Amino acid sequence: MSEGWKVTLNVDGKTIPLNPFVQKFISSTITGMLSSLRDVSADFKKAVLTLEREA
């Protein structure tokens, strides 16, 4: 399920480079979590997760 995903990480406007191992680790973790959610299609094309620190 996590094969073939392009993973990008941007923190405070700075793109963080990710090697293939880290990209696979992140994509496997996120797709695993999403696949357990009832309202997420198994063949989704893109997911966007935003984390913002509360003031």
C-alpha atoms as a PDB file:
ATOM      1  CA  MET A   1       0.000   0.000   0.000  1.00  0.00           C
ATOM      2  CA  SER A   2       2.848   2.420   0.708  1.00  0.00           C
ATOM      3  CA  GLU A   3       4.863   1.657  -2.427  1.00  0.00           C
ATOM      4  CA  GLY A   4       5.207   4.430  -4.976  1.00  0.00           C
ATOM      5  CA  TRP A   5       4.400   7.339  -2.658  1.00  0.00           C
ATOM      6  CA  LYS A   6       6.295  10.610  -2.932  1.00  0.00           C
ATOM      7  CA  VAL A   7       6.685  12.068   0.549  1.00  0.00           C
ATOM      8  CA  THR A   8       7.625  15.690   1.172  1.00  0.00           C
ATOM      9  CA  LEU A   9       8.106  17.392   4.517  1.00  0.00           C
ATOM     10  CA  ASN A  10       7.954  21.153   4.941  1.00  0.00           C
ATOM     11  CA  VAL A  11       8.581  22.695   8.381  1.00  0.00           C
ATOM     12  CA  ASP A  12       8.068  26.418   8.870  1.00  0.00           C
ATOM     13  CA  GLY A  13       8.523  27.023   5.137  1.00  0.00           C
ATOM     14  CA  LYS A  14      11.688  24.930   4.851  1.00  0.00           C
ATOM     15  CA  THR A  15      11.688  21.721   2.818  1.00  0.00           C
ATOM     16  CA  ILE A  16      13.308  18.894   4.753  1.00  0.00           C
ATOM     17  CA  PRO A  17      15.097  16.372   2.534  1.00  0.00           C
ATOM     18  CA  LEU A  18      14.029  12.756   3.083  1.00  0.00           C
ATOM     19  CA  ASN A  19      15.986   9.725   1.943  1.00  0.00           C
ATOM     20  CA  PRO A  20      14.123   6.726   0.454  1.00  0.00           C
ATOM     21  CA  PHE A  21      14.084   4.835   3.766  1.00  0.00           C
ATOM     22  CA  VAL A  22      12.464   7.741   5.630  1.00  0.00           C
ATOM     23  CA  GLN A  23       9.958   8.307   2.794  1.00  0.00           C
ATOM     24  CA  LYS A  24       8.922   4.645   2.942  1.00  0.00           C
ATOM     25  CA  PHE A  25       8.749   4.728   6.757  1.00  0.00           C
ATOM     26  CA  ILE A  26       6.485   7.798   6.754  1.00  0.00           C
ATOM     27  CA  SER A  27       4.278   6.611   3.882  1.00  0.00           C
ATOM     28  CA  SER A  28       3.850   3.153   5.437  1.00  0.00           C
ATOM     29  CA  THR A  29       2.937   4.641   8.811  1.00  0.00           C
ATOM     30  CA  ILE A  30       0.446   7.186   7.461  1.00  0.00           C
ATOM     31  CA  THR A  31      -1.209   4.864   4.923  1.00  0.00           C
ATOM     32  CA  GLY A  32      -1.567   2.239   7.652  1.00  0.00           C
ATOM     33  CA  MET A  33      -3.338   4.724   9.921  1.00  0.00           C
ATOM     34  CA  LEU A  34      -5.544   6.048   7.124  1.00  0.00           C
ATOM     35  CA  SER A  35      -6.566   2.570   5.993  1.00  0.00           C
ATOM     36  CA  SER A  36      -8.158   1.967   9.392  1.00  0.00           C
ATOM     37  CA  LEU A  37     -10.439   5.009   9.076  1.00  0.00           C
ATOM     38  CA  ARG A  38     -13.965   4.275   7.973  1.00  0.00           C
ATOM     39  CA  ASP A  39     -14.396   7.283   5.654  1.00  0.00           C
ATOM     40  CA  VAL A  40     -11.097   6.887   3.748  1.00  0.00           C
ATOM     41  CA  SER A  41     -11.166   5.074   0.421  1.00  0.00           C
ATOM     42  CA  ALA A  42      -8.574   2.289   0.074  1.00  0.00           C
ATOM     43  CA  ASP A  43      -7.393   3.745  -3.244  1.00  0.00           C
ATOM     44  CA  PHE A  44      -6.943   7.385  -2.177  1.00  0.00           C
ATOM     45  CA  LYS A  45      -4.485   9.373  -4.309  1.00  0.00           C
ATOM     46  CA  LYS A  46      -3.303  12.103  -1.942  1.00  0.00           C
ATOM     47  CA  ALA A  47      -3.435  12.859   1.769  1.00  0.00           C
ATOM     48  CA  VAL A  48      -2.448  16.137   3.411  1.00  0.00           C
ATOM     49  CA  LEU A  49      -1.763  16.295   7.134  1.00  0.00           C
ATOM     50  CA  THR A  50      -1.097  19.665   8.746  1.00  0.00           C
ATOM     51  CA  LEU A  51       0.275  20.068  12.258  1.00  0.00           C
ATOM     52  CA  GLU A  52       0.064  23.521  13.825  1.00  0.00           C
ATOM     53  CA  ARG A  53       1.202  24.327  17.344  1.00  0.00           C
ATOM     54  CA  GLU A  54      -1.542  25.988  19.359  1.00  0.00           C
ATOM     55  CA  ALA A  55      -0.602  29.426  20.673  1.00  0.00           C
END
